[in-house]
Amino acid sequence: MTEVLRLEHVSKSFGNKEVLKDINFHVNSGEIIGYIGSNGAGKSTTIKIILGLIDDYEGDVYVFGDKVKGKTEYKRKIGYVPEVSDMYDNLTAKEYIDFIGMLYGINSNAAVAKAAEMMGVFGIQGAMEGRIHTFSKGMRQKLSIVAGMLHNPDILFLDEPLGGIDANSVLVFKEIIQKLKNKGKTIFYSSHILEVVEKLSDRILLINDGTIIIDGSVEEVMKKQSDTSLESIFNDVTGFHDHEMLADKFVDAFMN
């Protein structure tokens, strides 16, 4: 397998808050990486550093073997679907797709035709002429997925990509990810939905308080931790065991 991504001694602070602490890992082509951790653990910061959205950090990031700090050309080979997309809300979906296609050098007619077919899979083919500000959260997220994949990227970064999406489309999306892997694409998937990560991922990276504390296949991790689910492993290694007590406290308050 070919290495497509490597982070070496990557650290990042915001003021006095150290968000990433000496992060080291590599990713091979065709892998589906499940990148998990609590809120504030450093997941999104890691992804934004790789994407070049944050360039004030210590350490080195290599994509396709090249150090990427200060460079932009490598971005043509990567795709990004964030949890919440910043879109030009007054544009129609067609105009937005045309704009994204232009950024990647894709002919307007070809970009719109490709996007229409992809949108049809998610059941929003009729929304091409609609203004984005009229879209539901799920429709916006589906459009974001299409836009992030429009240019056929070699590595796809997914940061909580399923927010607001209906159950049927989630099933379709999971199948899409598996089929992209079979085509040799690399998927870097960050999510709080541990069940989805467990089913999709070849390998798990668990970050806690800015440090990678688990790196291995789902089977290896479960065997090593002597647990039966990724959720129980997550709770064990992050030290979170209060879910039942907190639920009781909430229900007691609700019932009063």
C-alpha atoms as a PDB file:
ATOM      1  CA  MET A   1       0.000   0.000   0.000  1.00  0.00           C
ATOM      2  CA  THR A   2       1.088   3.556  -0.710  1.00  0.00           C
ATOM      3  CA  GLU A   3       1.301   6.089   2.082  1.00  0.00           C
ATOM      4  CA  VAL A   4      -0.849   9.122   1.263  1.00  0.00           C
ATOM      5  CA  LEU A   5      -0.869  11.054   4.534  1.00  0.00           C
ATOM      6  CA  ARG A   6       1.572  11.497   7.424  1.00  0.00           C
ATOM      7  CA  LEU A   7       1.604  13.757  10.470  1.00  0.00           C
ATOM      8  CA  GLU A   8       4.870  14.137  12.363  1.00  0.00           C
ATOM      9  CA  HIS A   9       5.021  15.806  15.776  1.00  0.00           C
ATOM     10  CA  VAL A  10       2.056  18.073  15.030  1.00  0.00           C
ATOM     11  CA  SER A  11       1.089  20.370  17.899  1.00  0.00           C
ATOM     12  CA  LYS A  12      -1.293  23.300  18.006  1.00  0.00           C
ATOM     13  CA  SER A  13      -2.295  25.784  20.705  1.00  0.00           C
ATOM     14  CA  PHE A  14      -4.964  28.447  20.794  1.00  0.00           C
ATOM     15  CA  GLY A  15      -3.695  30.975  23.313  1.00  0.00           C
ATOM     16  CA  ASN A  16      -2.824  29.025  26.459  1.00  0.00           C
ATOM     17  CA  LYS A  17      -4.916  26.027  25.391  1.00  0.00           C
ATOM     18  CA  GLU A  18      -2.839  23.206  23.878  1.00  0.00           C
ATOM     19  CA  VAL A  19      -5.291  21.473  21.544  1.00  0.00           C
ATOM     20  CA  LEU A  20      -2.932  19.027  19.791  1.00  0.00           C
ATOM     21  CA  LYS A  21       0.075  17.510  21.558  1.00  0.00           C
ATOM     22  CA  ASP A  22       2.710  15.851  19.382  1.00  0.00           C
ATOM     23  CA  ILE A  23       0.351  14.040  16.975  1.00  0.00           C
ATOM     24  CA  ASN A  24       1.965  11.276  14.901  1.00  0.00           C
ATOM     25  CA  PHE A  25       0.219   8.910  12.483  1.00  0.00           C
ATOM     26  CA  HIS A  26       0.216   7.841   8.844  1.00  0.00           C
ATOM     27  CA  VAL A  27      -2.536   6.722   6.468  1.00  0.00           C
ATOM     28  CA  ASN A  28      -2.250   4.379   3.493  1.00  0.00           C
ATOM     29  CA  SER A  29      -4.224   4.549   0.263  1.00  0.00           C
ATOM     30  CA  GLY A  30      -7.514   2.690   0.317  1.00  0.00           C
ATOM     31  CA  GLU A  31      -7.922   2.859   4.100  1.00  0.00           C
ATOM     32  CA  ILE A  32     -11.006   4.043   5.919  1.00  0.00           C
ATOM     33  CA  ILE A  33      -9.802   5.779   9.066  1.00  0.00           C
ATOM     34  CA  GLY A  34     -12.229   6.359  11.919  1.00  0.00           C
ATOM     35  CA  TYR A  35     -11.005   9.425  13.821  1.00  0.00           C
ATOM     36  CA  ILE A  36     -12.883   9.629  17.106  1.00  0.00           C
ATOM     37  CA  GLY A  37     -12.741  11.593  20.342  1.00  0.00           C
ATOM     38  CA  SER A  38     -14.802  13.733  22.686  1.00  0.00           C
ATOM     39  CA  ASN A  39     -15.835  17.299  21.899  1.00  0.00           C
ATOM     40  CA  GLY A  40     -12.734  19.464  22.135  1.00  0.00           C
ATOM     41  CA  ALA A  41     -10.343  16.500  21.812  1.00  0.00           C
ATOM     42  CA  GLY A  42      -8.755  17.986  18.673  1.00  0.00           C
ATOM     43  CA  LYS A  43     -10.469  16.135  15.813  1.00  0.00           C
ATOM     44  CA  SER A  44     -11.595  19.107  13.738  1.00  0.00           C
ATOM     45  CA  THR A  45      -8.347  20.984  14.419  1.00  0.00           C
ATOM     46  CA  THR A  46      -6.379  18.033  13.034  1.00  0.00           C
ATOM     47  CA  ILE A  47      -8.470  17.966   9.879  1.00  0.00           C
ATOM     48  CA  LYS A  48      -8.257  21.727   9.356  1.00  0.00           C
ATOM     49  CA  ILE A  49      -4.462  21.583   9.671  1.00  0.00           C
ATOM     50  CA  ILE A  50      -4.274  18.841   7.029  1.00  0.00           C
ATOM     51  CA  LEU A  51      -6.590  20.843   4.758  1.00  0.00           C
ATOM     52  CA  GLY A  52      -4.451  23.972   5.130  1.00  0.00           C
ATOM     53  CA  LEU A  53      -7.245  25.905   6.853  1.00  0.00           C
ATOM     54  CA  ILE A  54      -4.916  26.300   9.852  1.00  0.00           C
ATOM     55  CA  ASP A  55      -1.263  26.913   9.028  1.00  0.00           C
ATOM     56  CA  ASP A  56       0.075  28.169  12.351  1.00  0.00           C
ATOM     57  CA  TYR A  57       1.154  24.866  13.914  1.00  0.00           C
ATOM     58  CA  GLU A  58       4.264  22.973  14.939  1.00  0.00           C
ATOM     59  CA  GLY A  59       5.410  19.805  13.190  1.00  0.00           C
ATOM     60  CA  ASP A  60       4.971  18.586   9.626  1.00  0.00           C
ATOM     61  CA  VAL A  61       2.105  17.311   7.483  1.00  0.00           C
ATOM     62  CA  TYR A  62       2.807  15.297   4.339  1.00  0.00           C
ATOM     63  CA  VAL A  63       0.184  14.542   1.687  1.00  0.00           C
ATOM     64  CA  PHE A  64       1.229  12.230  -1.150  1.00  0.00           C
ATOM     65  CA  GLY A  65       4.785  12.477   0.193  1.00  0.00           C
ATOM     66  CA  ASP A  66       5.053  16.269  -0.006  1.00  0.00           C
ATOM     67  CA  LYS A  67       5.197  18.666   2.938  1.00  0.00           C
ATOM     68  CA  VAL A  68       2.083  20.803   2.544  1.00  0.00           C
ATOM     69  CA  LYS A  69       2.520  23.820   4.838  1.00  0.00           C
ATOM     70  CA  GLY A  70       2.034  26.948   2.729  1.00  0.00           C
ATOM     71  CA  LYS A  71       1.062  24.989  -0.398  1.00  0.00           C
ATOM     72  CA  THR A  72      -2.275  24.732  -2.196  1.00  0.00           C
ATOM     73  CA  GLU A  73      -1.850  22.467  -5.234  1.00  0.00           C
ATOM     74  CA  TYR A  74      -2.374  19.281  -3.202  1.00  0.00           C
ATOM     75  CA  LYS A  75      -5.899  20.463  -2.375  1.00  0.00           C
ATOM     76  CA  ARG A  76      -7.024  19.482  -5.867  1.00  0.00           C
ATOM     77  CA  LYS A  77      -6.626  15.848  -4.792  1.00  0.00           C
ATOM     78  CA  ILE A  78      -8.515  16.051  -1.512  1.00  0.00           C
ATOM     79  CA  GLY A  79     -12.170  16.555  -0.669  1.00  0.00           C
ATOM     80  CA  TYR A  80     -13.830  17.871   2.479  1.00  0.00           C
ATOM     81  CA  VAL A  81     -17.329  17.520   3.878  1.00  0.00           C
ATOM     82  CA  PRO A  82     -17.671  19.507   7.138  1.00  0.00           C
ATOM     83  CA  GLU A  83     -20.347  19.184   9.781  1.00  0.00           C
ATOM     84  CA  VAL A  84     -21.686  22.633   8.883  1.00  0.00           C
ATOM     85  CA  SER A  85     -20.918  24.046   5.449  1.00  0.00           C
ATOM     86  CA  ASP A  86     -20.472  27.726   4.770  1.00  0.00           C
ATOM     87  CA  MET A  87     -22.364  28.244   1.533  1.00  0.00           C
ATOM     88  CA  TYR A  88     -23.439  31.234  -0.500  1.00  0.00           C
ATOM     89  CA  ASP A  89     -27.065  31.002   0.556  1.00  0.00           C
ATOM     90  CA  ASN A  90     -28.427  33.325  -2.118  1.00  0.00           C
ATOM     91  CA  LEU A  91     -27.109  31.085  -4.896  1.00  0.00           C
ATOM     92  CA  THR A  92     -29.109  28.250  -6.361  1.00  0.00           C
ATOM     93  CA  ALA A  93     -27.682  24.748  -5.989  1.00  0.00           C
ATOM     94  CA  LYS A  94     -26.836  24.868  -9.701  1.00  0.00           C
ATOM     95  CA  GLU A  95     -24.956  28.142  -9.328  1.00  0.00           C
ATOM     96  CA  TYR A  96     -23.099  26.811  -6.288  1.00  0.00           C
ATOM     97  CA  ILE A  97     -22.077  23.625  -8.097  1.00  0.00           C
ATOM     98  CA  ASP A  98     -20.978  25.703 -11.094  1.00  0.00           C
ATOM     99  CA  PHE A  99     -18.802  27.768  -8.733  1.00  0.00           C
ATOM    100  CA  ILE A 100     -17.259  24.691  -7.072  1.00  0.00           C
ATOM    101  CA  GLY A 101     -16.609  23.137 -10.469  1.00  0.00           C
ATOM    102  CA  MET A 102     -14.883  26.301 -11.629  1.00  0.00           C
ATOM    103  CA  LEU A 103     -12.523  26.151  -8.631  1.00  0.00           C
ATOM    104  CA  TYR A 104     -11.418  22.694  -9.715  1.00  0.00           C
ATOM    105  CA  GLY A 105     -11.287  23.422 -13.442  1.00  0.00           C
ATOM    106  CA  ILE A 106     -14.382  21.371 -14.255  1.00  0.00           C
ATOM    107  CA  ASN A 107     -16.498  22.457 -17.233  1.00  0.00           C
ATOM    108  CA  SER A 108     -19.772  24.029 -16.077  1.00  0.00           C
ATOM    109  CA  ASN A 109     -22.076  21.669 -17.980  1.00  0.00           C
ATOM    110  CA  ALA A 110     -20.077  18.642 -16.863  1.00  0.00           C
ATOM    111  CA  ALA A 111     -20.096  19.767 -13.212  1.00  0.00           C
ATOM    112  CA  VAL A 112     -23.854  20.389 -13.181  1.00  0.00           C
ATOM    113  CA  ALA A 113     -24.635  17.115 -14.969  1.00  0.00           C
ATOM    114  CA  LYS A 114     -22.443  15.135 -12.564  1.00  0.00           C
ATOM    115  CA  ALA A 115     -23.905  16.873  -9.513  1.00  0.00           C
ATOM    116  CA  ALA A 116     -27.482  16.344 -10.727  1.00  0.00           C
ATOM    117  CA  GLU A 117     -26.865  12.607 -10.966  1.00  0.00           C
ATOM    118  CA  MET A 118     -25.274  12.489  -7.505  1.00  0.00           C
ATOM    119  CA  MET A 119     -28.069  14.622  -6.008  1.00  0.00           C
ATOM    120  CA  GLY A 120     -30.602  12.264  -7.538  1.00  0.00           C
ATOM    121  CA  VAL A 121     -29.135   9.401  -5.522  1.00  0.00           C
ATOM    122  CA  PHE A 122     -29.975  11.357  -2.362  1.00  0.00           C
ATOM    123  CA  GLY A 123     -33.458  12.239  -3.601  1.00  0.00           C
ATOM    124  CA  ILE A 124     -32.896  15.980  -4.100  1.00  0.00           C
ATOM    125  CA  GLN A 125     -32.579  16.081  -7.884  1.00  0.00           C
ATOM    126  CA  GLY A 126     -35.431  18.575  -8.028  1.00  0.00           C
ATOM    127  CA  ALA A 127     -33.544  21.084  -5.881  1.00  0.00           C
ATOM    128  CA  MET A 128     -31.003  22.146  -8.496  1.00  0.00           C
ATOM    129  CA  GLU A 129     -32.800  25.416  -9.242  1.00  0.00           C
ATOM    130  CA  GLY A 130     -33.696  26.123  -5.613  1.00  0.00           C
ATOM    131  CA  ARG A 131     -31.997  28.809  -3.516  1.00  0.00           C
ATOM    132  CA  ILE A 132     -29.784  27.308  -0.841  1.00  0.00           C
ATOM    133  CA  HIS A 133     -31.298  29.493   1.891  1.00  0.00           C
ATOM    134  CA  THR A 134     -34.589  27.624   1.374  1.00  0.00           C
ATOM    135  CA  PHE A 135     -33.001  24.197   1.930  1.00  0.00           C
ATOM    136  CA  SER A 136     -33.503  22.102   5.052  1.00  0.00           C
ATOM    137  CA  LYS A 137     -30.446  21.083   7.080  1.00  0.00           C
ATOM    138  CA  GLY A 138     -30.496  17.647   5.473  1.00  0.00           C
ATOM    139  CA  MET A 139     -30.689  19.059   1.947  1.00  0.00           C
ATOM    140  CA  ARG A 140     -27.783  21.410   2.652  1.00  0.00           C
ATOM    141  CA  GLN A 141     -25.713  18.537   3.970  1.00  0.00           C
ATOM    142  CA  LYS A 142     -26.471  16.392   0.931  1.00  0.00           C
ATOM    143  CA  LEU A 143     -25.418  19.272  -1.318  1.00  0.00           C
ATOM    144  CA  SER A 144     -22.250  19.626   0.762  1.00  0.00           C
ATOM    145  CA  ILE A 145     -21.449  15.938   0.231  1.00  0.00           C
ATOM    146  CA  VAL A 146     -21.945  16.288  -3.518  1.00  0.00           C
ATOM    147  CA  ALA A 147     -19.788  19.439  -3.658  1.00  0.00           C
ATOM    148  CA  GLY A 148     -17.031  17.811  -1.599  1.00  0.00           C
ATOM    149  CA  MET A 149     -16.864  14.835  -3.956  1.00  0.00           C
ATOM    150  CA  LEU A 150     -17.451  16.662  -7.236  1.00  0.00           C
ATOM    151  CA  HIS A 151     -13.795  16.694  -8.334  1.00  0.00           C
ATOM    152  CA  ASN A 152     -13.166  12.969  -7.687  1.00  0.00           C
ATOM    153  CA  PRO A 153     -10.678  13.442  -4.812  1.00  0.00           C
ATOM    154  CA  ASP A 154      -8.170  10.753  -3.843  1.00  0.00           C
ATOM    155  CA  ILE A 155      -8.578  11.452  -0.117  1.00  0.00           C
ATOM    156  CA  LEU A 156     -11.936  12.408   1.353  1.00  0.00           C
ATOM    157  CA  PHE A 157     -12.119  14.086   4.761  1.00  0.00           C
ATOM    158  CA  LEU A 158     -15.498  13.707   6.431  1.00  0.00           C
ATOM    159  CA  ASP A 159     -16.085  15.699   9.625  1.00  0.00           C
ATOM    160  CA  GLU A 160     -19.457  14.657  11.081  1.00  0.00           C
ATOM    161  CA  PRO A 161     -20.970  14.409   7.571  1.00  0.00           C
ATOM    162  CA  LEU A 162     -24.374  12.927   8.421  1.00  0.00           C
ATOM    163  CA  GLY A 163     -26.025  15.681  10.468  1.00  0.00           C
ATOM    164  CA  GLY A 164     -29.695  16.101   9.549  1.00  0.00           C
ATOM    165  CA  ILE A 165     -29.655  13.391   6.880  1.00  0.00           C
ATOM    166  CA  ASP A 166     -32.560  10.927   6.751  1.00  0.00           C
ATOM    167  CA  ALA A 167     -32.034   7.262   7.642  1.00  0.00           C
ATOM    168  CA  ASN A 168     -32.320   5.962   4.075  1.00  0.00           C
ATOM    169  CA  SER A 169     -29.696   8.398   2.826  1.00  0.00           C
ATOM    170  CA  VAL A 170     -27.390   7.416   5.705  1.00  0.00           C
ATOM    171  CA  LEU A 171     -27.581   3.806   4.508  1.00  0.00           C
ATOM    172  CA  VAL A 172     -26.813   4.907   0.954  1.00  0.00           C
ATOM    173  CA  PHE A 173     -23.906   7.045   2.158  1.00  0.00           C
ATOM    174  CA  LYS A 174     -22.365   4.148   4.083  1.00  0.00           C
ATOM    175  CA  GLU A 175     -22.510   2.027   0.925  1.00  0.00           C
ATOM    176  CA  ILE A 176     -20.933   4.868  -1.067  1.00  0.00           C
ATOM    177  CA  ILE A 177     -18.001   4.987   1.372  1.00  0.00           C
ATOM    178  CA  GLN A 178     -17.394   1.247   1.062  1.00  0.00           C
ATOM    179  CA  LYS A 179     -17.542   1.383  -2.717  1.00  0.00           C
ATOM    180  CA  LEU A 180     -15.149   4.350  -2.837  1.00  0.00           C
ATOM    181  CA  LYS A 181     -12.714   2.341  -0.701  1.00  0.00           C
ATOM    182  CA  ASN A 182     -13.021  -0.509  -3.209  1.00  0.00           C
ATOM    183  CA  LYS A 183     -12.064   1.998  -5.916  1.00  0.00           C
ATOM    184  CA  GLY A 184      -8.871   2.807  -4.013  1.00  0.00           C
ATOM    185  CA  LYS A 185     -10.035   6.038  -2.393  1.00  0.00           C
ATOM    186  CA  THR A 186      -8.873   6.940   1.104  1.00  0.00           C
ATOM    187  CA  ILE A 187     -11.478   8.047   3.654  1.00  0.00           C
ATOM    188  CA  PHE A 188     -10.689   9.993   6.836  1.00  0.00           C
ATOM    189  CA  TYR A 189     -13.907   9.880   8.829  1.00  0.00           C
ATOM    190  CA  SER A 190     -14.394  11.899  12.013  1.00  0.00           C
ATOM    191  CA  SER A 191     -17.639  11.330  13.882  1.00  0.00           C
ATOM    192  CA  HIS A 192     -19.351  11.049  17.247  1.00  0.00           C
ATOM    193  CA  ILE A 193     -21.591   8.290  15.858  1.00  0.00           C
ATOM    194  CA  LEU A 194     -19.448   5.404  17.054  1.00  0.00           C
ATOM    195  CA  GLU A 195     -21.688   2.703  15.609  1.00  0.00           C
ATOM    196  CA  VAL A 196     -21.161   4.075  12.086  1.00  0.00           C
ATOM    197  CA  VAL A 197     -17.404   4.449  12.636  1.00  0.00           C
ATOM    198  CA  GLU A 198     -17.146   0.899  13.967  1.00  0.00           C
ATOM    199  CA  LYS A 199     -18.947  -0.586  10.965  1.00  0.00           C
ATOM    200  CA  LEU A 200     -17.130   1.466   8.321  1.00  0.00           C
ATOM    201  CA  SER A 201     -13.550   1.781   9.527  1.00  0.00           C
ATOM    202  CA  ASP A 202     -10.526  -0.354   8.751  1.00  0.00           C
ATOM    203  CA  ARG A 203      -8.586   1.431  11.453  1.00  0.00           C
ATOM    204  CA  ILE A 204      -9.403   3.519  14.511  1.00  0.00           C
ATOM    205  CA  LEU A 205      -7.527   6.587  15.733  1.00  0.00           C
ATOM    206  CA  LEU A 206      -8.798   7.734  19.116  1.00  0.00           C
ATOM    207  CA  ILE A 207      -7.689  11.172  20.264  1.00  0.00           C
ATOM    208  CA  ASN A 208      -8.155  12.283  23.854  1.00  0.00           C
ATOM    209  CA  ASP A 209      -7.074  15.652  25.230  1.00  0.00           C
ATOM    210  CA  GLY A 210      -4.977  16.336  22.128  1.00  0.00           C
ATOM    211  CA  THR A 211      -3.105  13.020  22.149  1.00  0.00           C
ATOM    212  CA  ILE A 212      -3.562   9.874  20.041  1.00  0.00           C
ATOM    213  CA  ILE A 213      -4.097   7.110  22.582  1.00  0.00           C
ATOM    214  CA  ILE A 214      -5.374   4.300  20.334  1.00  0.00           C
ATOM    215  CA  ASP A 215      -4.281   3.387  16.799  1.00  0.00           C
ATOM    216  CA  GLY A 216      -5.248   0.034  15.316  1.00  0.00           C
ATOM    217  CA  SER A 217      -7.849  -2.007  13.490  1.00  0.00           C
ATOM    218  CA  VAL A 218     -11.251  -2.369  15.130  1.00  0.00           C
ATOM    219  CA  GLU A 219     -10.490  -6.038  15.829  1.00  0.00           C
ATOM    220  CA  GLU A 220      -7.065  -5.272  17.299  1.00  0.00           C
ATOM    221  CA  VAL A 221      -8.421  -2.494  19.473  1.00  0.00           C
ATOM    222  CA  MET A 222     -11.281  -4.578  20.837  1.00  0.00           C
ATOM    223  CA  LYS A 223      -8.979  -7.515  21.563  1.00  0.00           C
ATOM    224  CA  LYS A 224      -6.442  -5.319  23.311  1.00  0.00           C
ATOM    225  CA  GLN A 225      -9.057  -3.478  25.356  1.00  0.00           C
ATOM    226  CA  SER A 226     -11.074  -6.652  26.064  1.00  0.00           C
ATOM    227  CA  ASP A 227     -14.298  -4.898  25.068  1.00  0.00           C
ATOM    228  CA  THR A 228     -17.152  -5.813  22.769  1.00  0.00           C
ATOM    229  CA  SER A 229     -17.986  -2.441  21.245  1.00  0.00           C
ATOM    230  CA  LEU A 230     -16.253   0.741  20.217  1.00  0.00           C
ATOM    231  CA  GLU A 231     -18.587   2.686  22.501  1.00  0.00           C
ATOM    232  CA  SER A 232     -17.427   0.798  25.600  1.00  0.00           C
ATOM    233  CA  ILE A 233     -13.773   1.236  24.578  1.00  0.00           C
ATOM    234  CA  PHE A 234     -14.374   4.957  24.076  1.00  0.00           C
ATOM    235  CA  ASN A 235     -15.913   5.271  27.533  1.00  0.00           C
ATOM    236  CA  ASP A 236     -13.102   3.286  29.146  1.00  0.00           C
ATOM    237  CA  VAL A 237     -10.177   5.168  27.648  1.00  0.00           C
ATOM    238  CA  THR A 238     -11.730   8.621  28.044  1.00  0.00           C
ATOM    239  CA  GLY A 239     -12.752   7.855  31.616  1.00  0.00           C
ATOM    240  CA  PHE A 240     -16.451   8.551  31.036  1.00  0.00           C
ATOM    241  CA  HIS A 241     -18.592   6.224  33.163  1.00  0.00           C
ATOM    242  CA  ASP A 242     -21.268   8.604  34.417  1.00  0.00           C
ATOM    243  CA  HIS A 243     -23.810   8.245  31.592  1.00  0.00           C
ATOM    244  CA  GLU A 244     -26.351   6.275  33.673  1.00  0.00           C
ATOM    245  CA  MET A 245     -26.051   8.576  36.679  1.00  0.00           C
ATOM    246  CA  LEU A 246     -26.387  11.675  34.486  1.00  0.00           C
ATOM    247  CA  ALA A 247     -29.404  10.190  32.707  1.00  0.00           C
ATOM    248  CA  ASP A 248     -31.076   9.508  36.067  1.00  0.00           C
ATOM    249  CA  LYS A 249     -30.364  13.078  37.150  1.00  0.00           C
ATOM    250  CA  PHE A 250     -31.914  14.468  33.952  1.00  0.00           C
ATOM    251  CA  VAL A 251     -35.016  12.264  34.222  1.00  0.00           C
ATOM    252  CA  ASP A 252     -35.478  13.196  37.902  1.00  0.00           C
ATOM    253  CA  ALA A 253     -35.353  16.888  36.970  1.00  0.00           C
ATOM    254  CA  PHE A 254     -37.742  16.272  34.061  1.00  0.00           C
ATOM    255  CA  MET A 255     -40.286  14.457  36.234  1.00  0.00           C
ATOM    256  CA  ASN A 256     -40.373  17.118  38.966  1.00  0.00           C
END
